[in-house]
């Protein structure tokens, strides 16, 4: 275990419920990697500078599928998943 705690924002769950069945399977497969290490190279974790400026914290995204991302922040040992969706969620 990596020592992180995980919490999801209500917006994440709202948008998760809008995903197709195929996208949900992809998110669940990525979750298996993410919960062990959100910075695992297979997830292609990267910083989102525009959202980081808007939140005042470093915001990261992981690549779930070609155009499906999960954005999150890490704060005092807790990983907060903020949203799931296409690149459109990068807009602050």
PDB file of N, CA and C in Angstrom:
ATOM      1  N   UNK A   1       0.847  -1.188   0.000  1.00  0.00           N
ATOM      2  CA  UNK A   1       0.000   0.000   0.000  1.00  0.00           C
ATOM      3  C   UNK A   1       0.885   1.241   0.000  1.00  0.00           C
ATOM      4  N   UNK A   2       0.398   2.328  -0.589  1.00  0.00           N
ATOM      5  CA  UNK A   2       1.215   3.518  -0.767  1.00  0.00           C
ATOM      6  C   UNK A   2       1.065   4.554   0.342  1.00  0.00           C
ATOM      7  N   UNK A   3       0.133   4.400   1.245  1.00  0.00           N
ATOM      8  CA  UNK A   3      -0.029   5.345   2.339  1.00  0.00           C
ATOM      9  C   UNK A   3      -0.988   6.481   2.053  1.00  0.00           C
ATOM     10  N   UNK A   4      -1.489   6.608   0.827  1.00  0.00           N
ATOM     11  CA  UNK A   4      -2.475   7.638   0.501  1.00  0.00           C
ATOM     12  C   UNK A   4      -3.866   7.219   0.974  1.00  0.00           C
ATOM     13  N   UNK A   5      -4.656   8.213   1.305  1.00  0.00           N
ATOM     14  CA  UNK A   5      -6.089   8.016   1.481  1.00  0.00           C
ATOM     15  C   UNK A   5      -6.743   8.571   0.218  1.00  0.00           C
ATOM     16  N   UNK A   6      -7.916   8.072  -0.124  1.00  0.00           N
ATOM     17  CA  UNK A   6      -8.578   8.495  -1.356  1.00  0.00           C
ATOM     18  C   UNK A   6      -9.975   9.005  -1.072  1.00  0.00           C
ATOM     19  N   UNK A   7     -10.302  10.146  -1.673  1.00  0.00           N
ATOM     20  CA  UNK A   7     -11.637  10.726  -1.580  1.00  0.00           C
ATOM     21  C   UNK A   7     -12.004  11.254  -2.965  1.00  0.00           C
ATOM     22  N   UNK A   8     -13.281  11.214  -3.267  1.00  0.00           N
ATOM     23  CA  UNK A   8     -13.751  11.720  -4.559  1.00  0.00           C
ATOM     24  C   UNK A   8     -14.748  12.851  -4.332  1.00  0.00           C
ATOM     25  N   UNK A   9     -14.622  13.875  -5.163  1.00  0.00           N
ATOM     26  CA  UNK A   9     -15.540  15.010  -5.109  1.00  0.00           C
ATOM     27  C   UNK A   9     -16.891  14.610  -5.687  1.00  0.00           C
ATOM     28  N   UNK A  10     -17.969  15.238  -5.231  1.00  0.00           N
ATOM     29  CA  UNK A  10     -19.297  14.952  -5.805  1.00  0.00           C
ATOM     30  C   UNK A  10     -19.325  15.111  -7.330  1.00  0.00           C
ATOM     31  N   UNK A  11     -18.586  16.092  -7.851  1.00  0.00           N
ATOM     32  CA  UNK A  11     -18.544  16.302  -9.307  1.00  0.00           C
ATOM     33  C   UNK A  11     -17.967  15.074 -10.017  1.00  0.00           C
ATOM     34  N   UNK A  12     -16.958  14.445  -9.401  1.00  0.00           N
ATOM     35  CA  UNK A  12     -16.404  13.230  -9.989  1.00  0.00           C
ATOM     36  C   UNK A  12     -17.501  12.190 -10.132  1.00  0.00           C
ATOM     37  N   UNK A  13     -18.267  11.945  -9.067  1.00  0.00           N
ATOM     38  CA  UNK A  13     -19.308  10.911  -9.099  1.00  0.00           C
ATOM     39  C   UNK A  13     -20.423  11.258 -10.076  1.00  0.00           C
ATOM     40  N   UNK A  14     -20.788  12.541 -10.155  1.00  0.00           N
ATOM     41  CA  UNK A  14     -21.828  12.948 -11.121  1.00  0.00           C
ATOM     42  C   UNK A  14     -21.394  12.607 -12.542  1.00  0.00           C
ATOM     43  N   UNK A  15     -20.146  12.939 -12.873  1.00  0.00           N
ATOM     44  CA  UNK A  15     -19.670  12.690 -14.229  1.00  0.00           C
ATOM     45  C   UNK A  15     -19.345  11.215 -14.475  1.00  0.00           C
ATOM     46  N   UNK A  16     -18.938  10.517 -13.435  1.00  0.00           N
ATOM     47  CA  UNK A  16     -18.691   9.081 -13.547  1.00  0.00           C
ATOM     48  C   UNK A  16     -19.980   8.363 -13.954  1.00  0.00           C
ATOM     49  N   UNK A  17     -21.093   8.773 -13.380  1.00  0.00           N
ATOM     50  CA  UNK A  17     -22.381   8.149 -13.685  1.00  0.00           C
ATOM     51  C   UNK A  17     -22.830   8.399 -15.118  1.00  0.00           C
ATOM     52  N   UNK A  18     -22.241   9.388 -15.777  1.00  0.00           N
ATOM     53  CA  UNK A  18     -22.581   9.702 -17.170  1.00  0.00           C
ATOM     54  C   UNK A  18     -21.734   8.927 -18.177  1.00  0.00           C
ATOM     55  N   UNK A  19     -20.723   8.203 -17.705  1.00  0.00           N
ATOM     56  CA  UNK A  19     -19.836   7.475 -18.610  1.00  0.00           C
ATOM     57  C   UNK A  19     -20.547   6.269 -19.228  1.00  0.00           C
ATOM     58  N   UNK A  20     -20.064   5.868 -20.388  1.00  0.00           N
ATOM     59  CA  UNK A  20     -20.580   4.661 -21.013  1.00  0.00           C
ATOM     60  C   UNK A  20     -20.059   3.441 -20.254  1.00  0.00           C
ATOM     61  N   UNK A  21     -20.646   2.291 -20.512  1.00  0.00           N
ATOM     62  CA  UNK A  21     -20.203   1.061 -19.852  1.00  0.00           C
ATOM     63  C   UNK A  21     -18.743   0.756 -20.183  1.00  0.00           C
ATOM     64  N   UNK A  22     -18.346   1.004 -21.399  1.00  0.00           N
ATOM     65  CA  UNK A  22     -16.943   0.765 -21.802  1.00  0.00           C
ATOM     66  C   UNK A  22     -16.014   1.705 -21.042  1.00  0.00           C
ATOM     67  N   UNK A  23     -16.403   2.973 -20.926  1.00  0.00           N
ATOM     68  CA  UNK A  23     -15.580   3.935 -20.181  1.00  0.00           C
ATOM     69  C   UNK A  23     -15.487   3.556 -18.706  1.00  0.00           C
ATOM     70  N   UNK A  24     -16.576   3.098 -18.132  1.00  0.00           N
ATOM     71  CA  UNK A  24     -16.559   2.675 -16.729  1.00  0.00           C
ATOM     72  C   UNK A  24     -15.570   1.533 -16.545  1.00  0.00           C
ATOM     73  N   UNK A  25     -15.580   0.570 -17.445  1.00  0.00           N
ATOM     74  CA  UNK A  25     -14.611  -0.538 -17.351  1.00  0.00           C
ATOM     75  C   UNK A  25     -13.181  -0.007 -17.426  1.00  0.00           C
ATOM     76  N   UNK A  26     -12.939   0.962 -18.290  1.00  0.00           N
ATOM     77  CA  UNK A  26     -11.597   1.546 -18.401  1.00  0.00           C
ATOM     78  C   UNK A  26     -11.201   2.275 -17.126  1.00  0.00           C
ATOM     79  N   UNK A  27     -12.146   3.013 -16.541  1.00  0.00           N
ATOM     80  CA  UNK A  27     -11.866   3.729 -15.291  1.00  0.00           C
ATOM     81  C   UNK A  27     -11.563   2.734 -14.169  1.00  0.00           C
ATOM     82  N   UNK A  28     -12.335   1.673 -14.097  1.00  0.00           N
ATOM     83  CA  UNK A  28     -12.101   0.673 -13.053  1.00  0.00           C
ATOM     84  C   UNK A  28     -10.754  -0.021 -13.224  1.00  0.00           C
ATOM     85  N   UNK A  29     -10.360  -0.278 -14.465  1.00  0.00           N
ATOM     86  CA  UNK A  29      -9.039  -0.882 -14.717  1.00  0.00           C
ATOM     87  C   UNK A  29      -7.933   0.088 -14.307  1.00  0.00           C
ATOM     88  N   UNK A  30      -8.101   1.374 -14.632  1.00  0.00           N
ATOM     89  CA  UNK A  30      -7.102   2.376 -14.244  1.00  0.00           C
ATOM     90  C   UNK A  30      -7.060   2.518 -12.721  1.00  0.00           C
ATOM     91  N   UNK A  31      -8.222   2.393 -12.062  1.00  0.00           N
ATOM     92  CA  UNK A  31      -8.294   2.508 -10.598  1.00  0.00           C
ATOM     93  C   UNK A  31      -7.419   1.457  -9.925  1.00  0.00           C
ATOM     94  N   UNK A  32      -7.371   0.256 -10.496  1.00  0.00           N
ATOM     95  CA  UNK A  32      -6.553  -0.813  -9.913  1.00  0.00           C
ATOM     96  C   UNK A  32      -5.073  -0.404  -9.851  1.00  0.00           C
ATOM     97  N   UNK A  33      -4.625   0.336 -10.844  1.00  0.00           N
ATOM     98  CA  UNK A  33      -3.249   0.847 -10.867  1.00  0.00           C
ATOM     99  C   UNK A  33      -3.144   2.080  -9.971  1.00  0.00           C
ATOM    100  N   UNK A  34      -4.114   2.999 -10.128  1.00  0.00           N
ATOM    101  CA  UNK A  34      -4.112   4.285  -9.431  1.00  0.00           C
ATOM    102  C   UNK A  34      -4.071   4.113  -7.919  1.00  0.00           C
ATOM    103  N   UNK A  35      -4.849   3.164  -7.385  1.00  0.00           N
ATOM    104  CA  UNK A  35      -4.899   3.019  -5.929  1.00  0.00           C
ATOM    105  C   UNK A  35      -3.582   2.508  -5.360  1.00  0.00           C
ATOM    106  N   UNK A  36      -2.776   1.842  -6.172  1.00  0.00           N
ATOM    107  CA  UNK A  36      -1.443   1.421  -5.724  1.00  0.00           C
ATOM    108  C   UNK A  36      -0.438   2.571  -5.837  1.00  0.00           C
ATOM    109  N   UNK A  37      -0.576   3.362  -6.931  1.00  0.00           N
ATOM    110  CA  UNK A  37       0.346   4.480  -7.146  1.00  0.00           C
ATOM    111  C   UNK A  37      -0.236   5.419  -8.190  1.00  0.00           C
ATOM    112  N   UNK A  38      -0.748   6.591  -7.774  1.00  0.00           N
ATOM    113  CA  UNK A  38      -1.329   7.526  -8.737  1.00  0.00           C
ATOM    114  C   UNK A  38      -0.308   8.070  -9.751  1.00  0.00           C
ATOM    115  N   UNK A  39       0.965   7.837  -9.478  1.00  0.00           N
ATOM    116  CA  UNK A  39       2.009   8.325 -10.382  1.00  0.00           C
ATOM    117  C   UNK A  39       2.665   7.186 -11.165  1.00  0.00           C
ATOM    118  N   UNK A  40       2.013   6.039 -11.213  1.00  0.00           N
ATOM    119  CA  UNK A  40       2.513   4.905 -11.985  1.00  0.00           C
ATOM    120  C   UNK A  40       2.653   5.337 -13.451  1.00  0.00           C
ATOM    121  N   UNK A  41       3.785   5.051 -14.088  1.00  0.00           N
ATOM    122  CA  UNK A  41       4.011   5.488 -15.475  1.00  0.00           C
ATOM    123  C   UNK A  41       2.949   5.003 -16.462  1.00  0.00           C
ATOM    124  N   UNK A  42       2.300   3.903 -16.187  1.00  0.00           N
ATOM    125  CA  UNK A  42       1.258   3.398 -17.100  1.00  0.00           C
ATOM    126  C   UNK A  42       0.073   4.349 -17.197  1.00  0.00           C
ATOM    127  N   UNK A  43      -0.116   5.188 -16.187  1.00  0.00           N
ATOM    128  CA  UNK A  43      -1.232   6.134 -16.175  1.00  0.00           C
ATOM    129  C   UNK A  43      -0.904   7.449 -16.874  1.00  0.00           C
ATOM    130  N   UNK A  44       0.358   7.646 -17.197  1.00  0.00           N
ATOM    131  CA  UNK A  44       0.800   8.888 -17.861  1.00  0.00           C
ATOM    132  C   UNK A  44       0.353  10.128 -17.086  1.00  0.00           C
ATOM    133  N   UNK A  45       0.550  10.085 -15.770  1.00  0.00           N
ATOM    134  CA  UNK A  45       0.169  11.195 -14.899  1.00  0.00           C
ATOM    135  C   UNK A  45       0.930  12.450 -15.301  1.00  0.00           C
ATOM    136  N   UNK A  46       0.209  13.563 -15.408  1.00  0.00           N
ATOM    137  CA  UNK A  46       0.840  14.829 -15.788  1.00  0.00           C
ATOM    138  C   UNK A  46       0.122  15.989 -15.092  1.00  0.00           C
ATOM    139  N   UNK A  47       0.856  17.079 -14.949  1.00  0.00           N
ATOM    140  CA  UNK A  47       0.305  18.278 -14.313  1.00  0.00           C
ATOM    141  C   UNK A  47      -0.570  19.026 -15.318  1.00  0.00           C
ATOM    142  N   UNK A  48      -1.621  19.629 -14.807  1.00  0.00           N
ATOM    143  CA  UNK A  48      -2.502  20.475 -15.603  1.00  0.00           C
ATOM    144  C   UNK A  48      -2.314  21.900 -15.088  1.00  0.00           C
ATOM    145  N   UNK A  49      -1.526  22.670 -15.803  1.00  0.00           N
ATOM    146  CA  UNK A  49      -1.114  23.984 -15.318  1.00  0.00           C
ATOM    147  C   UNK A  49      -2.285  24.964 -15.165  1.00  0.00           C
ATOM    148  N   UNK A  50      -3.209  24.970 -16.116  1.00  0.00           N
ATOM    149  CA  UNK A  50      -4.335  25.910 -16.037  1.00  0.00           C
ATOM    150  C   UNK A  50      -5.195  25.620 -14.807  1.00  0.00           C
ATOM    151  N   UNK A  51      -5.512  24.355 -14.570  1.00  0.00           N
ATOM    152  CA  UNK A  51      -6.308  24.011 -13.388  1.00  0.00           C
ATOM    153  C   UNK A  51      -5.530  24.241 -12.102  1.00  0.00           C
ATOM    154  N   UNK A  52      -4.231  24.006 -12.146  1.00  0.00           N
ATOM    155  CA  UNK A  52      -3.404  24.252 -10.957  1.00  0.00           C
ATOM    156  C   UNK A  52      -3.476  25.720 -10.556  1.00  0.00           C
ATOM    157  N   UNK A  53      -3.421  26.607 -11.544  1.00  0.00           N
ATOM    158  CA  UNK A  53      -3.516  28.038 -11.258  1.00  0.00           C
ATOM    159  C   UNK A  53      -4.891  28.376 -10.685  1.00  0.00           C
ATOM    160  N   UNK A  54      -5.935  27.764 -11.226  1.00  0.00           N
ATOM    161  CA  UNK A  54      -7.296  28.044 -10.754  1.00  0.00           C
ATOM    162  C   UNK A  54      -7.524  27.534  -9.336  1.00  0.00           C
ATOM    163  N   UNK A  55      -7.000  26.349  -9.006  1.00  0.00           N
ATOM    164  CA  UNK A  55      -7.195  25.750  -7.687  1.00  0.00           C
ATOM    165  C   UNK A  55      -6.190  26.240  -6.654  1.00  0.00           C
ATOM    166  N   UNK A  56      -5.079  26.801  -7.111  1.00  0.00           N
ATOM    167  CA  UNK A  56      -4.027  27.210  -6.191  1.00  0.00           C
ATOM    168  C   UNK A  56      -3.271  26.027  -5.614  1.00  0.00           C
ATOM    169  N   UNK A  57      -3.388  24.875  -6.262  1.00  0.00           N
ATOM    170  CA  UNK A  57      -2.703  23.630  -5.880  1.00  0.00           C
ATOM    171  C   UNK A  57      -2.334  22.910  -7.168  1.00  0.00           C
ATOM    172  N   UNK A  58      -1.367  22.043  -7.089  1.00  0.00           N
ATOM    173  CA  UNK A  58      -0.991  21.283  -8.275  1.00  0.00           C
ATOM    174  C   UNK A  58      -2.084  20.266  -8.594  1.00  0.00           C
ATOM    175  N   UNK A  59      -2.625  20.382  -9.792  1.00  0.00           N
ATOM    176  CA  UNK A  59      -3.659  19.465 -10.268  1.00  0.00           C
ATOM    177  C   UNK A  59      -3.016  18.538 -11.288  1.00  0.00           C
ATOM    178  N   UNK A  60      -3.289  17.258 -11.137  1.00  0.00           N
ATOM    179  CA  UNK A  60      -2.752  16.233 -12.023  1.00  0.00           C
ATOM    180  C   UNK A  60      -3.887  15.566 -12.781  1.00  0.00           C
ATOM    181  N   UNK A  61      -3.537  14.952 -13.904  1.00  0.00           N
ATOM    182  CA  UNK A  61      -4.484  14.136 -14.649  1.00  0.00           C
ATOM    183  C   UNK A  61      -3.829  12.806 -14.970  1.00  0.00           C
ATOM    184  N   UNK A  62      -4.636  11.763 -14.993  1.00  0.00           N
ATOM    185  CA  UNK A  62      -4.175  10.460 -15.464  1.00  0.00           C
ATOM    186  C   UNK A  62      -4.960  10.128 -16.723  1.00  0.00           C
ATOM    187  N   UNK A  63      -4.292   9.433 -17.629  1.00  0.00           N
ATOM    188  CA  UNK A  63      -4.901   9.043 -18.887  1.00  0.00           C
ATOM    189  C   UNK A  63      -5.577   7.683 -18.700  1.00  0.00           C
ATOM    190  N   UNK A  64      -6.887   7.668 -18.849  1.00  0.00           N
ATOM    191  CA  UNK A  64      -7.650   6.426 -18.726  1.00  0.00           C
ATOM    192  C   UNK A  64      -7.803   5.786 -20.099  1.00  0.00           C
ATOM    193  N   UNK A  65      -8.204   6.591 -21.064  1.00  0.00           N
ATOM    194  CA  UNK A  65      -8.331   6.206 -22.463  1.00  0.00           C
ATOM    195  C   UNK A  65      -7.807   7.354 -23.295  1.00  0.00           C
ATOM    196  N   UNK A  66      -7.881   7.187 -24.593  1.00  0.00           N
ATOM    197  CA  UNK A  66      -7.374   8.202 -25.510  1.00  0.00           C
ATOM    198  C   UNK A  66      -7.858   9.612 -25.136  1.00  0.00           C
ATOM    199  N   UNK A  67      -9.155   9.785 -24.913  1.00  0.00           N
ATOM    200  CA  UNK A  67      -9.677  11.100 -24.537  1.00  0.00           C
ATOM    201  C   UNK A  67     -10.547  10.998 -23.277  1.00  0.00           C
ATOM    202  N   UNK A  68     -10.054  10.279 -22.302  1.00  0.00           N
ATOM    203  CA  UNK A  68     -10.746  10.181 -21.016  1.00  0.00           C
ATOM    204  C   UNK A  68      -9.711  10.336 -19.912  1.00  0.00           C
ATOM    205  N   UNK A  69      -9.930  11.309 -19.059  1.00  0.00           N
ATOM    206  CA  UNK A  69      -8.982  11.626 -18.004  1.00  0.00           C
ATOM    207  C   UNK A  69      -9.678  11.674 -16.650  1.00  0.00           C
ATOM    208  N   UNK A  70      -8.887  11.448 -15.613  1.00  0.00           N
ATOM    209  CA  UNK A  70      -9.316  11.704 -14.240  1.00  0.00           C
ATOM    210  C   UNK A  70      -8.357  12.747 -13.699  1.00  0.00           C
ATOM    211  N   UNK A  71      -8.901  13.827 -13.130  1.00  0.00           N
ATOM    212  CA  UNK A  71      -8.055  14.872 -12.546  1.00  0.00           C
ATOM    213  C   UNK A  71      -8.127  14.766 -11.035  1.00  0.00           C
ATOM    214  N   UNK A  72      -7.001  15.074 -10.402  1.00  0.00           N
ATOM    215  CA  UNK A  72      -6.912  14.923  -8.950  1.00  0.00           C
ATOM    216  C   UNK A  72      -5.861  15.850  -8.378  1.00  0.00           C
ATOM    217  N   UNK A  73      -5.940  16.048  -7.064  1.00  0.00           N
ATOM    218  CA  UNK A  73      -4.905  16.758  -6.315  1.00  0.00           C
ATOM    219  C   UNK A  73      -4.463  15.848  -5.173  1.00  0.00           C
ATOM    220  N   UNK A  74      -3.288  16.125  -4.655  1.00  0.00           N
ATOM    221  CA  UNK A  74      -2.789  15.427  -3.471  1.00  0.00           C
ATOM    222  C   UNK A  74      -2.593  16.493  -2.403  1.00  0.00           C
ATOM    223  N   UNK A  75      -3.212  16.289  -1.259  1.00  0.00           N
ATOM    224  CA  UNK A  75      -3.126  17.259  -0.173  1.00  0.00           C
ATOM    225  C   UNK A  75      -2.955  16.507   1.146  1.00  0.00           C
ATOM    226  N   UNK A  76      -1.819  16.669   1.762  1.00  0.00           N
ATOM    227  CA  UNK A  76      -1.525  16.086   3.070  1.00  0.00           C
ATOM    228  C   UNK A  76      -1.853  14.592   3.131  1.00  0.00           C
ATOM    229  N   UNK A  77      -1.381  13.865   2.135  1.00  0.00           N
ATOM    230  CA  UNK A  77      -1.537  12.414   2.131  1.00  0.00           C
ATOM    231  C   UNK A  77      -2.869  11.900   1.634  1.00  0.00           C
ATOM    232  N   UNK A  78      -3.746  12.807   1.209  1.00  0.00           N
ATOM    233  CA  UNK A  78      -5.025  12.393   0.649  1.00  0.00           C
ATOM    234  C   UNK A  78      -5.064  12.751  -0.829  1.00  0.00           C
ATOM    235  N   UNK A  79      -5.490  11.792  -1.636  1.00  0.00           N
ATOM    236  CA  UNK A  79      -5.690  12.013  -3.060  1.00  0.00           C
ATOM    237  C   UNK A  79      -7.169  12.310  -3.261  1.00  0.00           C
ATOM    238  N   UNK A  80      -7.458  13.512  -3.767  1.00  0.00           N
ATOM    239  CA  UNK A  80      -8.831  13.922  -4.035  1.00  0.00           C
ATOM    240  C   UNK A  80      -9.068  13.864  -5.539  1.00  0.00           C
ATOM    241  N   UNK A  81      -9.902  12.936  -5.996  1.00  0.00           N
ATOM    242  CA  UNK A  81     -10.269  12.917  -7.408  1.00  0.00           C
ATOM    243  C   UNK A  81     -11.336  13.980  -7.604  1.00  0.00           C
ATOM    244  N   UNK A  82     -11.064  14.893  -8.523  1.00  0.00           N
ATOM    245  CA  UNK A  82     -11.925  16.046  -8.723  1.00  0.00           C
ATOM    246  C   UNK A  82     -12.971  15.831  -9.799  1.00  0.00           C
ATOM    247  N   UNK A  83     -12.576  15.154 -10.888  1.00  0.00           N
ATOM    248  CA  UNK A  83     -13.484  15.035 -12.027  1.00  0.00           C
ATOM    249  C   UNK A  83     -13.003  13.929 -12.949  1.00  0.00           C
ATOM    250  N   UNK A  84     -13.881  13.484 -13.816  1.00  0.00           N
ATOM    251  CA  UNK A  84     -13.570  12.506 -14.845  1.00  0.00           C
ATOM    252  C   UNK A  84     -14.261  12.976 -16.120  1.00  0.00           C
ATOM    253  N   UNK A  85     -13.556  12.871 -17.242  1.00  0.00           N
ATOM    254  CA  UNK A  85     -14.147  13.278 -18.513  1.00  0.00           C
ATOM    255  C   UNK A  85     -13.102  13.475 -19.581  1.00  0.00           C
ATOM    256  N   UNK A  86     -13.502  14.159 -20.649  1.00  0.00           N
ATOM    257  CA  UNK A  86     -12.606  14.425 -21.770  1.00  0.00           C
ATOM    258  C   UNK A  86     -11.678  15.593 -21.450  1.00  0.00           C
ATOM    259  N   UNK A  87     -10.865  15.958 -22.421  1.00  0.00           N
ATOM    260  CA  UNK A  87      -9.961  17.103 -22.237  1.00  0.00           C
ATOM    261  C   UNK A  87     -10.708  18.391 -21.911  1.00  0.00           C
ATOM    262  N   UNK A  88     -12.001  18.437 -22.158  1.00  0.00           N
ATOM    263  CA  UNK A  88     -12.777  19.639 -21.844  1.00  0.00           C
ATOM    264  C   UNK A  88     -12.702  19.996 -20.362  1.00  0.00           C
ATOM    265  N   UNK A  89     -12.472  19.020 -19.506  1.00  0.00           N
ATOM    266  CA  UNK A  89     -12.410  19.340 -18.079  1.00  0.00           C
ATOM    267  C   UNK A  89     -11.124  20.063 -17.697  1.00  0.00           C
ATOM    268  N   UNK A  90     -10.189  20.201 -18.634  1.00  0.00           N
ATOM    269  CA  UNK A  90      -8.967  20.951 -18.352  1.00  0.00           C
ATOM    270  C   UNK A  90      -9.218  22.444 -18.336  1.00  0.00           C
ATOM    271  N   UNK A  91     -10.353  22.857 -18.851  1.00  0.00           N
ATOM    272  CA  UNK A  91     -10.658  24.290 -18.894  1.00  0.00           C
ATOM    273  C   UNK A  91     -11.113  24.764 -17.524  1.00  0.00           C
ATOM    274  N   UNK A  92     -10.436  25.782 -17.046  1.00  0.00           N
ATOM    275  CA  UNK A  92     -10.784  26.319 -15.717  1.00  0.00           C
ATOM    276  C   UNK A  92     -11.957  27.264 -15.792  1.00  0.00           C
TER     277      UNK A  92
END
